Amino acid sequence: QVQLVESGGGLVQPGGSLRLSCVASGFTLDDGGIGWFRQAPGKKREGVSWIRNSDGATGYADSVKGRFTISRDKAKNTVYLQMNNLKPEDTANYYCARSRGLLGLAPVLYAYWGQGTQVTVSS
């Protein structure tokens, strides 16, 4: 069975940094890829970033470009999201998800989802 487990969320001040982790089981990081998504109260789920398992190609939402970096460690079957210069608008529950095929920022592309980890940016 496929499982995705996020960790690393917490409370941080504006301008601070956080690194999220997504540990995958039931599959290896060989095909398709992993995406990071977030959902704040009263808002729709939005794509943040993605990474292709085969070659490490990446994509980002405009709102996080230059601040967030996605990476992977295939030996650990783990994908990371390094979040720098955090803003209050980044506050949300963050989810990782797996796609077996096409990648992008649309949630419909992803079939398997983790449980989420809360990120709160507040002064």
N, C-alpha and C. Protein backbone atom coordinates (compact mmCIF):
# COMPACT_ATOMS: atom_id res chain seq x y z
N GLN A 1 0.83 -1.18 0.00
CA GLN A 1 0.00 0.00 0.00
C GLN A 1 0.87 1.25 0.00
N VAL A 2 0.37 2.30 -0.64
CA VAL A 2 1.09 3.56 -0.75
C VAL A 2 0.79 4.40 0.48
N GLN A 3 1.84 4.92 1.09
CA GLN A 3 1.69 5.83 2.21
C GLN A 3 2.65 7.00 2.05
N LEU A 4 2.17 8.19 2.40
CA LEU A 4 2.96 9.41 2.40
C LEU A 4 2.78 10.07 3.76
N VAL A 5 3.89 10.38 4.43
CA VAL A 5 3.84 10.94 5.77
C VAL A 5 4.65 12.23 5.80
N GLU A 6 3.97 13.34 6.08
CA GLU A 6 4.62 14.64 6.19
C GLU A 6 5.04 14.91 7.62
N SER A 7 6.10 15.71 7.77
CA SER A 7 6.53 16.16 9.07
C SER A 7 7.31 17.46 8.91
N GLY A 8 7.58 18.14 10.02
CA GLY A 8 8.40 19.33 10.01
C GLY A 8 7.66 20.63 10.18
N GLY A 9 6.34 20.59 10.22
CA GLY A 9 5.57 21.80 10.41
C GLY A 9 5.71 22.33 11.82
N GLY A 10 5.23 23.56 12.02
CA GLY A 10 5.30 24.17 13.32
C GLY A 10 5.01 25.65 13.25
N LEU A 11 5.30 26.33 14.35
CA LEU A 11 5.09 27.77 14.47
C LEU A 11 6.41 28.49 14.24
N VAL A 12 6.40 29.48 13.36
CA VAL A 12 7.60 30.24 13.03
C VAL A 12 7.23 31.71 12.83
N GLN A 13 8.17 32.60 13.14
CA GLN A 13 7.95 34.03 12.95
C GLN A 13 8.14 34.42 11.49
N PRO A 14 7.50 35.51 11.04
CA PRO A 14 7.74 35.98 9.68
C PRO A 14 9.23 36.18 9.42
N GLY A 15 9.68 35.76 8.24
CA GLY A 15 11.09 35.81 7.89
C GLY A 15 11.86 34.57 8.28
N GLY A 16 11.25 33.69 9.04
CA GLY A 16 11.91 32.48 9.46
C GLY A 16 11.87 31.38 8.42
N SER A 17 12.45 30.23 8.78
CA SER A 17 12.57 29.10 7.86
C SER A 17 12.06 27.82 8.49
N LEU A 18 11.68 26.90 7.64
CA LEU A 18 11.18 25.60 8.05
C LEU A 18 11.48 24.62 6.93
N ARG A 19 11.77 23.37 7.27
CA ARG A 19 11.94 22.33 6.26
C ARG A 19 10.94 21.22 6.51
N LEU A 20 10.10 20.97 5.52
CA LEU A 20 9.13 19.90 5.58
C LEU A 20 9.70 18.65 4.92
N SER A 21 9.30 17.49 5.44
CA SER A 21 9.72 16.21 4.89
C SER A 21 8.50 15.39 4.51
N CYS A 22 8.64 14.61 3.45
CA CYS A 22 7.60 13.70 3.00
C CYS A 22 8.25 12.34 2.77
N VAL A 23 7.94 11.38 3.63
CA VAL A 23 8.50 10.04 3.52
C VAL A 23 7.49 9.13 2.84
N ALA A 24 7.92 8.49 1.77
CA ALA A 24 7.05 7.63 0.98
C ALA A 24 7.32 6.16 1.27
N SER A 25 6.27 5.36 1.31
CA SER A 25 6.39 3.92 1.43
C SER A 25 5.40 3.26 0.48
N GLY A 26 5.67 2.00 0.15
CA GLY A 26 4.84 1.29 -0.80
C GLY A 26 5.22 1.53 -2.25
N PHE A 27 6.18 2.40 -2.49
CA PHE A 27 6.70 2.67 -3.82
C PHE A 27 8.04 3.37 -3.67
N THR A 28 8.78 3.44 -4.75
CA THR A 28 10.05 4.14 -4.78
C THR A 28 9.94 5.38 -5.65
N LEU A 29 10.89 6.28 -5.49
CA LEU A 29 10.89 7.53 -6.25
C LEU A 29 11.55 7.30 -7.61
N ASP A 30 10.84 6.56 -8.47
CA ASP A 30 11.36 6.23 -9.80
C ASP A 30 10.53 6.84 -10.92
N ASP A 31 9.22 6.77 -10.82
CA ASP A 31 8.33 7.26 -11.86
C ASP A 31 7.45 8.39 -11.33
N GLY A 32 6.92 9.17 -12.25
CA GLY A 32 6.06 10.28 -11.87
C GLY A 32 6.79 11.25 -10.96
N GLY A 33 6.15 11.64 -9.88
CA GLY A 33 6.79 12.55 -8.96
C GLY A 33 5.93 12.87 -7.76
N ILE A 34 6.41 13.82 -6.98
CA ILE A 34 5.79 14.25 -5.74
C ILE A 34 5.48 15.73 -5.83
N GLY A 35 4.33 16.12 -5.34
CA GLY A 35 3.97 17.52 -5.25
C GLY A 35 3.69 17.93 -3.81
N TRP A 36 3.93 19.20 -3.53
CA TRP A 36 3.55 19.80 -2.26
C TRP A 36 2.37 20.74 -2.50
N PHE A 37 1.38 20.66 -1.62
CA PHE A 37 0.18 21.48 -1.70
C PHE A 37 -0.09 22.09 -0.33
N ARG A 38 -0.92 23.12 -0.31
CA ARG A 38 -1.29 23.72 0.96
C ARG A 38 -2.74 24.17 0.91
N GLN A 39 -3.35 24.20 2.08
CA GLN A 39 -4.73 24.64 2.20
C GLN A 39 -4.90 25.40 3.51
N ALA A 40 -5.31 26.65 3.40
CA ALA A 40 -5.60 27.49 4.55
C ALA A 40 -7.10 27.50 4.80
N PRO A 41 -7.52 27.81 6.03
CA PRO A 41 -8.95 27.86 6.33
C PRO A 41 -9.70 28.78 5.39
N GLY A 42 -10.80 28.29 4.83
CA GLY A 42 -11.61 29.08 3.93
C GLY A 42 -11.08 29.20 2.51
N LYS A 43 -9.97 28.55 2.20
CA LYS A 43 -9.38 28.63 0.87
C LYS A 43 -9.29 27.25 0.23
N LYS A 44 -9.21 27.24 -1.09
CA LYS A 44 -9.06 25.99 -1.82
C LYS A 44 -7.62 25.50 -1.73
N ARG A 45 -7.46 24.19 -1.91
CA ARG A 45 -6.13 23.62 -1.92
C ARG A 45 -5.37 24.11 -3.15
N GLU A 46 -4.12 24.54 -2.95
CA GLU A 46 -3.33 25.06 -4.05
C GLU A 46 -1.98 24.35 -4.13
N GLY A 47 -1.50 24.20 -5.35
CA GLY A 47 -0.20 23.60 -5.56
C GLY A 47 0.92 24.56 -5.21
N VAL A 48 1.96 24.05 -4.58
CA VAL A 48 3.11 24.84 -4.15
C VAL A 48 4.33 24.52 -4.99
N SER A 49 4.62 23.23 -5.16
CA SER A 49 5.82 22.81 -5.87
C SER A 49 5.70 21.35 -6.24
N TRP A 50 6.51 20.91 -7.20
CA TRP A 50 6.56 19.51 -7.58
C TRP A 50 7.98 19.14 -8.00
N ILE A 51 8.27 17.85 -7.97
CA ILE A 51 9.57 17.35 -8.39
C ILE A 51 9.38 16.02 -9.11
N ARG A 52 10.04 15.87 -10.25
CA ARG A 52 9.96 14.65 -11.04
C ARG A 52 10.97 13.64 -10.51
N ASN A 53 10.50 12.41 -10.28
CA ASN A 53 11.35 11.41 -9.65
C ASN A 53 12.52 10.98 -10.52
N SER A 54 12.33 10.93 -11.84
CA SER A 54 13.34 10.38 -12.73
C SER A 54 14.59 11.24 -12.83
N ASP A 55 14.41 12.56 -12.90
CA ASP A 55 15.55 13.43 -13.14
C ASP A 55 15.63 14.64 -12.22
N GLY A 56 14.68 14.78 -11.31
CA GLY A 56 14.73 15.87 -10.36
C GLY A 56 14.23 17.20 -10.88
N ALA A 57 13.63 17.24 -12.07
CA ALA A 57 13.06 18.48 -12.58
C ALA A 57 12.01 19.00 -11.60
N THR A 58 11.91 20.32 -11.48
CA THR A 58 11.04 20.93 -10.48
C THR A 58 10.18 22.02 -11.07
N GLY A 59 9.13 22.36 -10.34
CA GLY A 59 8.28 23.48 -10.67
C GLY A 59 7.76 24.12 -9.39
N TYR A 60 7.43 25.43 -9.48
CA TYR A 60 6.99 26.18 -8.32
C TYR A 60 5.84 27.10 -8.67
N ALA A 61 4.97 27.33 -7.70
CA ALA A 61 3.98 28.39 -7.82
C ALA A 61 4.68 29.75 -7.75
N ASP A 62 4.15 30.74 -8.46
CA ASP A 62 4.76 32.06 -8.46
C ASP A 62 4.88 32.64 -7.06
N SER A 63 3.94 32.32 -6.20
CA SER A 63 3.92 32.90 -4.86
C SER A 63 5.08 32.45 -3.98
N VAL A 64 5.75 31.35 -4.35
CA VAL A 64 6.84 30.83 -3.51
C VAL A 64 8.18 30.81 -4.21
N LYS A 65 8.24 31.19 -5.48
CA LYS A 65 9.51 31.20 -6.21
C LYS A 65 10.52 32.10 -5.53
N GLY A 66 11.73 31.60 -5.39
CA GLY A 66 12.79 32.34 -4.73
C GLY A 66 12.82 32.18 -3.23
N ARG A 67 11.78 31.58 -2.66
CA ARG A 67 11.71 31.37 -1.22
C ARG A 67 11.70 29.90 -0.84
N PHE A 68 11.03 29.07 -1.63
CA PHE A 68 10.90 27.64 -1.34
C PHE A 68 11.77 26.84 -2.31
N THR A 69 12.31 25.72 -1.84
CA THR A 69 13.09 24.82 -2.66
C THR A 69 12.66 23.39 -2.39
N ILE A 70 12.32 22.66 -3.45
CA ILE A 70 11.96 21.25 -3.32
C ILE A 70 13.16 20.40 -3.71
N SER A 71 13.35 19.29 -3.01
CA SER A 71 14.46 18.39 -3.31
C SER A 71 14.07 16.98 -2.91
N ARG A 72 14.90 16.01 -3.30
CA ARG A 72 14.60 14.63 -2.98
C ARG A 72 15.86 13.88 -2.58
N ASP A 73 15.69 12.84 -1.78
CA ASP A 73 16.74 11.92 -1.42
C ASP A 73 16.20 10.53 -1.73
N LYS A 74 16.60 9.98 -2.87
CA LYS A 74 16.03 8.72 -3.32
C LYS A 74 16.40 7.56 -2.39
N ALA A 75 17.58 7.61 -1.79
CA ALA A 75 18.00 6.55 -0.87
C ALA A 75 17.08 6.49 0.34
N LYS A 76 16.60 7.63 0.79
CA LYS A 76 15.70 7.71 1.93
C LYS A 76 14.24 7.71 1.53
N ASN A 77 13.96 7.69 0.22
CA ASN A 77 12.59 7.77 -0.29
C ASN A 77 11.85 8.96 0.31
N THR A 78 12.53 10.10 0.32
CA THR A 78 12.02 11.28 0.98
C THR A 78 12.13 12.50 0.07
N VAL A 79 11.10 13.33 0.11
CA VAL A 79 11.08 14.62 -0.58
C VAL A 79 11.00 15.72 0.47
N TYR A 80 11.74 16.79 0.25
CA TYR A 80 11.81 17.90 1.19
C TYR A 80 11.26 19.17 0.56
N LEU A 81 10.76 20.05 1.40
CA LEU A 81 10.40 21.39 0.99
C LEU A 81 11.05 22.37 1.97
N GLN A 82 12.12 23.02 1.50
CA GLN A 82 12.79 24.04 2.30
C GLN A 82 12.05 25.36 2.10
N MET A 83 11.58 25.93 3.18
CA MET A 83 10.76 27.14 3.14
C MET A 83 11.52 28.25 3.86
N ASN A 84 11.95 29.27 3.11
CA ASN A 84 12.67 30.41 3.66
C ASN A 84 11.86 31.69 3.53
N ASN A 85 12.22 32.68 4.33
CA ASN A 85 11.54 33.98 4.31
C ASN A 85 10.04 33.80 4.38
N LEU A 86 9.60 33.04 5.35
CA LEU A 86 8.18 32.73 5.47
C LEU A 86 7.36 33.97 5.79
N LYS A 87 6.16 34.00 5.23
CA LYS A 87 5.23 35.10 5.40
C LYS A 87 3.94 34.60 6.05
N PRO A 88 3.18 35.49 6.71
CA PRO A 88 1.91 35.06 7.29
C PRO A 88 0.99 34.39 6.27
N GLU A 89 1.05 34.81 5.00
CA GLU A 89 0.22 34.23 3.96
C GLU A 89 0.58 32.78 3.66
N ASP A 90 1.73 32.31 4.13
CA ASP A 90 2.12 30.92 3.95
C ASP A 90 1.46 29.99 4.96
N THR A 91 0.78 30.54 5.95
CA THR A 91 0.12 29.72 6.95
C THR A 91 -0.92 28.81 6.31
N ALA A 92 -0.79 27.51 6.53
CA ALA A 92 -1.68 26.53 5.92
C ALA A 92 -1.30 25.14 6.41
N ASN A 93 -2.17 24.19 6.13
CA ASN A 93 -1.83 22.79 6.27
C ASN A 93 -1.16 22.36 4.98
N TYR A 94 0.02 21.78 5.08
CA TYR A 94 0.80 21.39 3.91
C TYR A 94 0.73 19.88 3.71
N TYR A 95 0.46 19.48 2.47
CA TYR A 95 0.31 18.08 2.10
C TYR A 95 1.31 17.72 1.01
N CYS A 96 1.83 16.50 1.06
CA CYS A 96 2.54 15.97 -0.09
C CYS A 96 1.67 14.92 -0.76
N ALA A 97 1.89 14.72 -2.05
CA ALA A 97 1.07 13.82 -2.83
C ALA A 97 1.90 13.22 -3.95
N ARG A 98 1.47 12.05 -4.43
CA ARG A 98 2.18 11.34 -5.49
C ARG A 98 1.37 11.31 -6.77
N SER A 99 2.04 11.57 -7.88
CA SER A 99 1.49 11.34 -9.20
C SER A 99 2.29 10.27 -9.90
N ARG A 100 1.61 9.34 -10.56
CA ARG A 100 2.28 8.31 -11.34
C ARG A 100 2.61 8.76 -12.75
N GLY A 101 2.08 9.89 -13.17
CA GLY A 101 2.27 10.36 -14.54
C GLY A 101 2.67 11.81 -14.62
N LEU A 102 1.78 12.62 -15.21
CA LEU A 102 2.07 14.03 -15.41
C LEU A 102 2.19 14.77 -14.09
N LEU A 103 3.01 15.80 -14.09
CA LEU A 103 3.23 16.62 -12.91
C LEU A 103 2.76 18.04 -13.16
N GLY A 104 2.49 18.74 -12.08
CA GLY A 104 2.05 20.12 -12.16
C GLY A 104 1.49 20.54 -10.82
N LEU A 105 0.80 21.67 -10.81
CA LEU A 105 0.27 22.24 -9.58
C LEU A 105 -1.21 21.96 -9.38
N ALA A 106 -1.82 21.17 -10.25
CA ALA A 106 -3.23 20.84 -10.14
C ALA A 106 -3.42 19.61 -9.27
N PRO A 107 -4.18 19.70 -8.18
CA PRO A 107 -4.37 18.55 -7.30
C PRO A 107 -4.92 17.31 -8.00
N VAL A 108 -5.69 17.48 -9.07
CA VAL A 108 -6.31 16.34 -9.74
C VAL A 108 -5.27 15.39 -10.34
N LEU A 109 -4.05 15.83 -10.54
CA LEU A 109 -3.00 14.99 -11.10
C LEU A 109 -2.47 13.96 -10.11
N TYR A 110 -2.79 14.11 -8.84
CA TYR A 110 -2.17 13.32 -7.79
C TYR A 110 -3.17 12.36 -7.16
N ALA A 111 -2.79 11.09 -7.09
CA ALA A 111 -3.71 10.05 -6.64
C ALA A 111 -3.57 9.71 -5.16
N TYR A 112 -2.39 9.92 -4.58
CA TYR A 112 -2.12 9.53 -3.21
C TYR A 112 -1.68 10.73 -2.40
N TRP A 113 -2.23 10.85 -1.20
CA TRP A 113 -2.02 12.03 -0.37
C TRP A 113 -1.62 11.66 1.05
N GLY A 114 -0.78 12.51 1.64
CA GLY A 114 -0.44 12.37 3.04
C GLY A 114 -1.48 13.02 3.92
N GLN A 115 -1.22 12.99 5.23
CA GLN A 115 -2.19 13.48 6.20
C GLN A 115 -2.08 14.97 6.47
N GLY A 116 -0.97 15.57 6.08
CA GLY A 116 -0.77 16.99 6.25
C GLY A 116 0.04 17.33 7.48
N THR A 117 0.72 18.48 7.42
CA THR A 117 1.44 19.03 8.56
C THR A 117 1.20 20.53 8.60
N GLN A 118 0.90 21.05 9.77
CA GLN A 118 0.49 22.44 9.91
C GLN A 118 1.70 23.36 9.97
N VAL A 119 1.65 24.43 9.17
CA VAL A 119 2.65 25.50 9.21
C VAL A 119 1.94 26.79 9.59
N THR A 120 2.39 27.41 10.66
CA THR A 120 1.81 28.67 11.11
C THR A 120 2.91 29.73 11.18
N VAL A 121 2.71 30.82 10.44
CA VAL A 121 3.66 31.93 10.41
C VAL A 121 3.00 33.12 11.09
N SER A 122 3.50 33.49 12.25
CA SER A 122 2.85 34.52 13.04
C SER A 122 3.88 35.22 13.92
N SER A 123 3.68 36.52 14.11
CA SER A 123 4.51 37.30 15.01
C SER A 123 3.87 37.45 16.38
